[in-house]
Amino acid sequence: MDTIYGLIDYRGDIRSSKKCIFKKTTNSDEQIYVPKSIKGYKFIEGKYYVSKKTKNNNEYLFLEYLVNGVIDIYYYRDDKGDHYYVSKDNNILYELKNNERSVLIDDVTYIKENKEYIGTLKYLFKESPRIVKSVENIELKHKSLINITKDYHNEVCPDQICLVYEKSIAKVKNKFGLIVGLNMFSISDNNVTDDDYYFRNSNFNFSIAPSIGIYYKIHLPRLNEKLFF
């Protein structure tokens, strides 16, 4: 299929891995694309999603393309958390795993990370002993993976450009503010029922009372760029 341009309804990482809701114009009907129906979709100067078949659950997903180089980095999120994949020379797709297990020490249970992804990265970066040594300190996060992959690419393939598609996401933002207002009260006895007879002929004066408060708003762009609490 040829490339088409239009509007994409972006609703965060989880939904973006499952479907793409597209319109050619604001007045056009919505078209829903799933990973098996298109090769991918991209935002201008933003996120880039490609259709890939993942080995662990044997299904097609739109993976966010983070790095395009000698080694490619992909990402998606589901209800269980963040998932990263890598491939070398457009070959096998490896998942970067970090399973956890419970360890009992002196009757206290601790959670230990297995960090299987370190072994996978060492294997993929084996052409660079320097990079292999630095893998031990890598966290399974966007910034760490992008930086080490770019570093590896520039060392083993300096004549080719390493493309980074990741859109820069703002950090968590906290905002406080002051709310000031006026409350106006007015009661009429015109509609008083027989059950409320004791209100009849009462003196209900119009009154105004000031109110003051504070608000707190938090923005979580990594969870959803449009989500505020």
C-alpha atoms as a PDB file:
ATOM      1  CA  MET A   1       0.000   0.000   0.000  1.00  0.00           C
ATOM      2  CA  ASP A   2       1.210   3.491  -0.805  1.00  0.00           C
ATOM      3  CA  THR A   3       1.790   6.061   1.904  1.00  0.00           C
ATOM      4  CA  ILE A   4      -1.286   8.163   2.704  1.00  0.00           C
ATOM      5  CA  TYR A   5      -1.425  11.325   4.792  1.00  0.00           C
ATOM      6  CA  GLY A   6      -4.082  12.490   7.194  1.00  0.00           C
ATOM      7  CA  LEU A   7      -5.036  12.651  10.873  1.00  0.00           C
ATOM      8  CA  ILE A   8      -4.365   9.996  13.528  1.00  0.00           C
ATOM      9  CA  ASP A   9      -6.199   9.810  16.834  1.00  0.00           C
ATOM     10  CA  TYR A  10      -3.448   9.278  19.417  1.00  0.00           C
ATOM     11  CA  ARG A  11      -4.579   7.962  22.819  1.00  0.00           C
ATOM     12  CA  GLY A  12      -1.408   6.734  24.524  1.00  0.00           C
ATOM     13  CA  ASP A  13       1.032   3.838  24.250  1.00  0.00           C
ATOM     14  CA  ILE A  14      -1.299   0.943  25.090  1.00  0.00           C
ATOM     15  CA  ARG A  15      -3.957   1.626  22.469  1.00  0.00           C
ATOM     16  CA  SER A  16      -1.391   2.650  19.863  1.00  0.00           C
ATOM     17  CA  SER A  17       0.048  -0.876  19.849  1.00  0.00           C
ATOM     18  CA  LYS A  18      -3.338  -2.388  18.989  1.00  0.00           C
ATOM     19  CA  LYS A  19      -4.857  -0.115  16.364  1.00  0.00           C
ATOM     20  CA  CYS A  20      -4.524   3.070  14.370  1.00  0.00           C
ATOM     21  CA  ILE A  21      -7.615   5.274  14.015  1.00  0.00           C
ATOM     22  CA  PHE A  22      -7.149   7.366  10.883  1.00  0.00           C
ATOM     23  CA  LYS A  23      -8.986  10.140   9.023  1.00  0.00           C
ATOM     24  CA  LYS A  24      -7.966  11.730   5.735  1.00  0.00           C
ATOM     25  CA  THR A  25      -9.555  15.016   6.826  1.00  0.00           C
ATOM     26  CA  THR A  26     -11.431  16.247   9.878  1.00  0.00           C
ATOM     27  CA  ASN A  27     -14.738  15.607   8.068  1.00  0.00           C
ATOM     28  CA  SER A  28     -13.839  12.131   6.781  1.00  0.00           C
ATOM     29  CA  ASP A  29     -15.097   8.880   8.265  1.00  0.00           C
ATOM     30  CA  GLU A  30     -12.785   7.052  10.656  1.00  0.00           C
ATOM     31  CA  GLN A  31     -10.782   4.123   9.357  1.00  0.00           C
ATOM     32  CA  ILE A  32      -9.407   1.611  11.855  1.00  0.00           C
ATOM     33  CA  TYR A  33      -6.207  -0.207  10.932  1.00  0.00           C
ATOM     34  CA  VAL A  34      -4.832  -3.176  12.865  1.00  0.00           C
ATOM     35  CA  PRO A  35      -1.225  -4.460  12.744  1.00  0.00           C
ATOM     36  CA  LYS A  36      -1.998  -7.112  10.125  1.00  0.00           C
ATOM     37  CA  SER A  37      -3.589  -4.636   7.716  1.00  0.00           C
ATOM     38  CA  ILE A  38      -0.768  -2.069   7.335  1.00  0.00           C
ATOM     39  CA  LYS A  39       3.017  -2.004   7.675  1.00  0.00           C
ATOM     40  CA  GLY A  40       2.972   0.894  10.106  1.00  0.00           C
ATOM     41  CA  TYR A  41       2.110   4.514  10.741  1.00  0.00           C
ATOM     42  CA  LYS A  42       4.030   7.620  11.735  1.00  0.00           C
ATOM     43  CA  PHE A  43       3.446  11.073  13.172  1.00  0.00           C
ATOM     44  CA  ILE A  44       5.247  13.957  11.492  1.00  0.00           C
ATOM     45  CA  GLU A  45       8.349  14.650  13.572  1.00  0.00           C
ATOM     46  CA  GLY A  46       7.022  12.227  16.169  1.00  0.00           C
ATOM     47  CA  LYS A  47       6.384   8.607  17.018  1.00  0.00           C
ATOM     48  CA  TYR A  48       6.780   5.852  14.425  1.00  0.00           C
ATOM     49  CA  TYR A  49       4.965   2.513  14.752  1.00  0.00           C
ATOM     50  CA  VAL A  50       5.696  -0.611  12.704  1.00  0.00           C
ATOM     51  CA  SER A  51       3.805  -3.879  12.486  1.00  0.00           C
ATOM     52  CA  LYS A  52       5.754  -6.803  13.948  1.00  0.00           C
ATOM     53  CA  LYS A  53       4.928 -10.350  14.994  1.00  0.00           C
ATOM     54  CA  THR A  54       6.112 -10.945  18.552  1.00  0.00           C
ATOM     55  CA  LYS A  55       7.367 -14.403  19.403  1.00  0.00           C
ATOM     56  CA  ASN A  56       6.223 -14.608  23.026  1.00  0.00           C
ATOM     57  CA  ASN A  57       2.479 -14.207  22.386  1.00  0.00           C
ATOM     58  CA  ASN A  58       2.506 -15.002  18.656  1.00  0.00           C
ATOM     59  CA  GLU A  59       0.487 -11.933  17.690  1.00  0.00           C
ATOM     60  CA  TYR A  60       1.022  -8.867  15.560  1.00  0.00           C
ATOM     61  CA  LEU A  61       1.449  -5.540  17.309  1.00  0.00           C
ATOM     62  CA  PHE A  62       2.330  -1.990  16.374  1.00  0.00           C
ATOM     63  CA  LEU A  63       5.738  -1.591  18.015  1.00  0.00           C
ATOM     64  CA  GLU A  64       7.087   1.903  18.522  1.00  0.00           C
ATOM     65  CA  TYR A  65      10.286   2.232  16.487  1.00  0.00           C
ATOM     66  CA  LEU A  66      12.852   3.895  18.743  1.00  0.00           C
ATOM     67  CA  VAL A  67      16.152   3.357  16.902  1.00  0.00           C
ATOM     68  CA  ASN A  68      16.864   2.414  13.277  1.00  0.00           C
ATOM     69  CA  GLY A  69      20.488   1.399  12.873  1.00  0.00           C
ATOM     70  CA  VAL A  70      22.744  -1.634  12.846  1.00  0.00           C
ATOM     71  CA  ILE A  71      20.579  -2.678  15.785  1.00  0.00           C
ATOM     72  CA  ASP A  72      16.928  -1.659  15.913  1.00  0.00           C
ATOM     73  CA  ILE A  73      15.066  -0.945  19.154  1.00  0.00           C
ATOM     74  CA  TYR A  74      11.291  -1.306  19.528  1.00  0.00           C
ATOM     75  CA  TYR A  75       8.889  -0.675  22.385  1.00  0.00           C
ATOM     76  CA  TYR A  76       5.292  -1.229  23.377  1.00  0.00           C
ATOM     77  CA  ARG A  77       3.217  -1.105  26.535  1.00  0.00           C
ATOM     78  CA  ASP A  78       0.358  -3.287  27.723  1.00  0.00           C
ATOM     79  CA  ASP A  79      -1.502  -3.806  30.994  1.00  0.00           C
ATOM     80  CA  LYS A  80       1.496  -5.674  32.421  1.00  0.00           C
ATOM     81  CA  GLY A  81       3.988  -2.885  31.777  1.00  0.00           C
ATOM     82  CA  ASP A  82       6.731  -1.883  29.336  1.00  0.00           C
ATOM     83  CA  HIS A  83       8.258  -4.256  26.758  1.00  0.00           C
ATOM     84  CA  TYR A  84      11.357  -3.753  24.618  1.00  0.00           C
ATOM     85  CA  TYR A  85      12.511  -5.664  21.528  1.00  0.00           C
ATOM     86  CA  VAL A  86      15.718  -5.549  19.520  1.00  0.00           C
ATOM     87  CA  SER A  87      16.750  -6.907  16.143  1.00  0.00           C
ATOM     88  CA  LYS A  88      20.073  -6.965  14.359  1.00  0.00           C
ATOM     89  CA  ASP A  89      20.372  -6.539  10.589  1.00  0.00           C
ATOM     90  CA  ASN A  90      16.545  -6.771  10.347  1.00  0.00           C
ATOM     91  CA  ASN A  91      16.744 -10.371  11.470  1.00  0.00           C
ATOM     92  CA  ILE A  92      15.388 -12.122  14.572  1.00  0.00           C
ATOM     93  CA  LEU A  93      13.307 -10.081  17.014  1.00  0.00           C
ATOM     94  CA  TYR A  94      14.589 -10.542  20.577  1.00  0.00           C
ATOM     95  CA  GLU A  95      12.636  -9.473  23.637  1.00  0.00           C
ATOM     96  CA  LEU A  96      14.659  -7.740  26.334  1.00  0.00           C
ATOM     97  CA  LYS A  97      13.397  -9.488  29.451  1.00  0.00           C
ATOM     98  CA  ASN A  98      13.735  -8.598  33.102  1.00  0.00           C
ATOM     99  CA  ASN A  99      11.700 -11.149  35.022  1.00  0.00           C
ATOM    100  CA  GLU A 100      11.404 -10.915  38.785  1.00  0.00           C
ATOM    101  CA  ARG A 101      11.504 -13.653  41.411  1.00  0.00           C
ATOM    102  CA  SER A 102      11.016 -13.833  45.156  1.00  0.00           C
ATOM    103  CA  VAL A 103      14.063 -14.591  47.307  1.00  0.00           C
ATOM    104  CA  LEU A 104      13.795 -15.520  51.002  1.00  0.00           C
ATOM    105  CA  ILE A 105      16.705 -14.293  53.123  1.00  0.00           C
ATOM    106  CA  ASP A 106      16.574 -14.523  56.938  1.00  0.00           C
ATOM    107  CA  ASP A 107      12.796 -14.967  56.829  1.00  0.00           C
ATOM    108  CA  VAL A 108      12.424 -11.786  54.775  1.00  0.00           C
ATOM    109  CA  THR A 109      11.124 -11.962  51.195  1.00  0.00           C
ATOM    110  CA  TYR A 110      12.912  -9.816  48.622  1.00  0.00           C
ATOM    111  CA  ILE A 111      12.151  -9.242  44.935  1.00  0.00           C
ATOM    112  CA  LYS A 112      15.166  -9.892  42.720  1.00  0.00           C
ATOM    113  CA  GLU A 113      15.469  -8.822  39.081  1.00  0.00           C
ATOM    114  CA  ASN A 114      16.909 -11.484  36.778  1.00  0.00           C
ATOM    115  CA  LYS A 115      18.040  -8.941  34.146  1.00  0.00           C
ATOM    116  CA  GLU A 116      18.090 -11.425  31.276  1.00  0.00           C
ATOM    117  CA  TYR A 117      18.285  -8.471  28.892  1.00  0.00           C
ATOM    118  CA  ILE A 118      21.933  -7.888  29.828  1.00  0.00           C
ATOM    119  CA  GLY A 119      22.961 -11.219  28.310  1.00  0.00           C
ATOM    120  CA  THR A 120      20.927 -10.518  25.182  1.00  0.00           C
ATOM    121  CA  LEU A 121      22.536  -7.111  24.689  1.00  0.00           C
ATOM    122  CA  LYS A 122      26.039  -8.478  25.260  1.00  0.00           C
ATOM    123  CA  TYR A 123      25.434 -11.039  22.528  1.00  0.00           C
ATOM    124  CA  LEU A 124      24.132  -8.422  20.082  1.00  0.00           C
ATOM    125  CA  PHE A 125      26.925  -5.937  20.859  1.00  0.00           C
ATOM    126  CA  LYS A 126      29.711  -8.540  20.763  1.00  0.00           C
ATOM    127  CA  GLU A 127      31.569  -6.736  17.930  1.00  0.00           C
ATOM    128  CA  SER A 128      32.432  -3.980  20.419  1.00  0.00           C
ATOM    129  CA  PRO A 129      34.202  -5.104  23.632  1.00  0.00           C
ATOM    130  CA  ARG A 130      33.901  -1.561  24.966  1.00  0.00           C
ATOM    131  CA  ILE A 131      30.128  -1.518  24.574  1.00  0.00           C
ATOM    132  CA  VAL A 132      29.814  -5.023  26.043  1.00  0.00           C
ATOM    133  CA  LYS A 133      31.521  -3.840  29.231  1.00  0.00           C
ATOM    134  CA  SER A 134      29.123  -0.919  29.603  1.00  0.00           C
ATOM    135  CA  VAL A 135      26.027  -3.121  29.199  1.00  0.00           C
ATOM    136  CA  GLU A 136      26.206  -4.107  32.886  1.00  0.00           C
ATOM    137  CA  ASN A 137      25.099  -0.598  33.842  1.00  0.00           C
ATOM    138  CA  ILE A 138      22.219  -0.374  31.377  1.00  0.00           C
ATOM    139  CA  GLU A 139      18.672   0.115  32.643  1.00  0.00           C
ATOM    140  CA  LEU A 140      15.707  -1.213  30.719  1.00  0.00           C
ATOM    141  CA  LYS A 141      14.492   2.264  29.801  1.00  0.00           C
ATOM    142  CA  HIS A 142      14.206   4.397  26.674  1.00  0.00           C
ATOM    143  CA  LYS A 143      17.130   6.698  27.329  1.00  0.00           C
ATOM    144  CA  SER A 144      19.655   3.996  28.296  1.00  0.00           C
ATOM    145  CA  LEU A 145      18.777   1.723  25.380  1.00  0.00           C
ATOM    146  CA  ILE A 146      18.781   4.519  22.814  1.00  0.00           C
ATOM    147  CA  ASN A 147      22.110   5.926  23.970  1.00  0.00           C
ATOM    148  CA  ILE A 148      24.006   2.628  24.026  1.00  0.00           C
ATOM    149  CA  THR A 149      22.551   1.554  20.666  1.00  0.00           C
ATOM    150  CA  LYS A 150      23.585   4.845  19.041  1.00  0.00           C
ATOM    151  CA  ASP A 151      27.043   4.511  20.596  1.00  0.00           C
ATOM    152  CA  TYR A 152      27.408   0.991  19.209  1.00  0.00           C
ATOM    153  CA  HIS A 153      26.191   2.020  15.755  1.00  0.00           C
ATOM    154  CA  ASN A 154      28.608   4.946  15.529  1.00  0.00           C
ATOM    155  CA  GLU A 155      31.508   2.678  16.464  1.00  0.00           C
ATOM    156  CA  VAL A 156      30.879  -0.269  14.140  1.00  0.00           C
ATOM    157  CA  CYS A 157      29.175   1.575  11.279  1.00  0.00           C
ATOM    158  CA  PRO A 158      30.265   5.239  11.317  1.00  0.00           C
ATOM    159  CA  ASP A 159      29.495   5.781   7.616  1.00  0.00           C
ATOM    160  CA  GLN A 160      25.746   5.208   8.027  1.00  0.00           C
ATOM    161  CA  ILE A 161      23.236   7.355   9.889  1.00  0.00           C
ATOM    162  CA  CYS A 162      21.554   5.988  13.007  1.00  0.00           C
ATOM    163  CA  LEU A 163      17.975   7.289  13.137  1.00  0.00           C
ATOM    164  CA  VAL A 164      16.166   7.922  16.406  1.00  0.00           C
ATOM    165  CA  TYR A 165      12.393   8.216  16.020  1.00  0.00           C
ATOM    166  CA  GLU A 166      11.475   8.630  19.660  1.00  0.00           C
ATOM    167  CA  LYS A 167       9.441  11.715  20.413  1.00  0.00           C
ATOM    168  CA  SER A 168      10.781  13.634  23.368  1.00  0.00           C
ATOM    169  CA  ILE A 169       8.326  13.123  26.230  1.00  0.00           C
ATOM    170  CA  ALA A 170       8.124  15.673  28.993  1.00  0.00           C
ATOM    171  CA  LYS A 171       8.759  14.593  32.550  1.00  0.00           C
ATOM    172  CA  VAL A 172       6.027  14.276  35.156  1.00  0.00           C
ATOM    173  CA  LYS A 173       4.674  17.730  35.895  1.00  0.00           C
ATOM    174  CA  ASN A 174       3.116  18.826  39.175  1.00  0.00           C
ATOM    175  CA  LYS A 175       1.072  21.991  39.383  1.00  0.00           C
ATOM    176  CA  PHE A 176      -0.422  23.719  42.411  1.00  0.00           C
ATOM    177  CA  GLY A 177      -2.776  26.648  42.437  1.00  0.00           C
ATOM    178  CA  LEU A 178      -5.131  28.777  44.478  1.00  0.00           C
ATOM    179  CA  ILE A 179      -8.891  28.819  43.951  1.00  0.00           C
ATOM    180  CA  VAL A 180     -10.909  31.820  45.133  1.00  0.00           C
ATOM    181  CA  GLY A 181     -14.632  32.300  44.707  1.00  0.00           C
ATOM    182  CA  LEU A 182     -17.965  33.452  46.102  1.00  0.00           C
ATOM    183  CA  ASN A 183     -20.886  31.276  47.183  1.00  0.00           C
ATOM    184  CA  MET A 184     -24.348  32.818  46.933  1.00  0.00           C
ATOM    185  CA  PHE A 185     -27.262  31.401  48.929  1.00  0.00           C
ATOM    186  CA  SER A 186     -30.943  32.125  48.469  1.00  0.00           C
ATOM    187  CA  ILE A 187     -33.950  30.110  49.663  1.00  0.00           C
ATOM    188  CA  SER A 188     -37.592  30.739  48.776  1.00  0.00           C
ATOM    189  CA  ASP A 189     -40.630  29.465  50.725  1.00  0.00           C
ATOM    190  CA  ASN A 190     -42.892  29.553  47.653  1.00  0.00           C
ATOM    191  CA  ASN A 191     -42.516  25.835  47.020  1.00  0.00           C
ATOM    192  CA  VAL A 192     -42.520  24.642  50.631  1.00  0.00           C
ATOM    193  CA  THR A 193     -44.628  21.477  51.000  1.00  0.00           C
ATOM    194  CA  ASP A 194     -46.930  20.599  53.868  1.00  0.00           C
ATOM    195  CA  ASP A 195     -44.243  18.337  55.285  1.00  0.00           C
ATOM    196  CA  ASP A 196     -41.940  21.344  55.591  1.00  0.00           C
ATOM    197  CA  TYR A 197     -44.542  23.656  57.119  1.00  0.00           C
ATOM    198  CA  TYR A 198     -42.080  24.906  59.724  1.00  0.00           C
ATOM    199  CA  PHE A 199     -40.261  26.846  56.971  1.00  0.00           C
ATOM    200  CA  ARG A 200     -43.342  28.947  56.139  1.00  0.00           C
ATOM    201  CA  ASN A 201     -43.088  32.660  56.815  1.00  0.00           C
ATOM    202  CA  SER A 202     -39.419  32.276  57.739  1.00  0.00           C
ATOM    203  CA  ASN A 203     -37.017  35.088  56.947  1.00  0.00           C
ATOM    204  CA  PHE A 204     -34.652  33.823  54.230  1.00  0.00           C
ATOM    205  CA  ASN A 205     -32.123  36.518  53.513  1.00  0.00           C
ATOM    206  CA  PHE A 206     -29.916  36.461  50.423  1.00  0.00           C
ATOM    207  CA  SER A 207     -26.334  35.859  51.562  1.00  0.00           C
ATOM    208  CA  ILE A 208     -22.861  35.736  50.048  1.00  0.00           C
ATOM    209  CA  ALA A 209     -19.936  33.806  51.512  1.00  0.00           C
ATOM    210  CA  PRO A 210     -16.349  33.798  50.248  1.00  0.00           C
ATOM    211  CA  SER A 211     -14.591  30.500  49.520  1.00  0.00           C
ATOM    212  CA  ILE A 212     -10.939  29.661  49.122  1.00  0.00           C
ATOM    213  CA  GLY A 213      -9.037  26.471  48.355  1.00  0.00           C
ATOM    214  CA  ILE A 214      -6.089  24.929  46.567  1.00  0.00           C
ATOM    215  CA  TYR A 215      -5.819  22.517  43.658  1.00  0.00           C
ATOM    216  CA  TYR A 216      -3.183  19.983  42.649  1.00  0.00           C
ATOM    217  CA  LYS A 217      -2.771  18.676  39.096  1.00  0.00           C
ATOM    218  CA  ILE A 218      -0.325  16.005  37.913  1.00  0.00           C
ATOM    219  CA  HIS A 219       0.570  15.262  34.287  1.00  0.00           C
ATOM    220  CA  LEU A 220       1.800  11.729  33.466  1.00  0.00           C
ATOM    221  CA  PRO A 221       2.943  11.892  29.810  1.00  0.00           C
ATOM    222  CA  ARG A 222       4.602   8.465  29.783  1.00  0.00           C
ATOM    223  CA  LEU A 223       1.303   6.849  30.777  1.00  0.00           C
ATOM    224  CA  ASN A 224      -0.720   9.002  28.407  1.00  0.00           C
ATOM    225  CA  GLU A 225       0.244  12.405  27.025  1.00  0.00           C
ATOM    226  CA  LYS A 226      -3.350  13.587  27.398  1.00  0.00           C
ATOM    227  CA  LEU A 227      -3.841  12.293  30.945  1.00  0.00           C
ATOM    228  CA  PHE A 228      -4.083  14.610  33.952  1.00  0.00           C
ATOM    229  CA  PHE A 229      -5.100  13.937  37.550  1.00  0.00           C
END
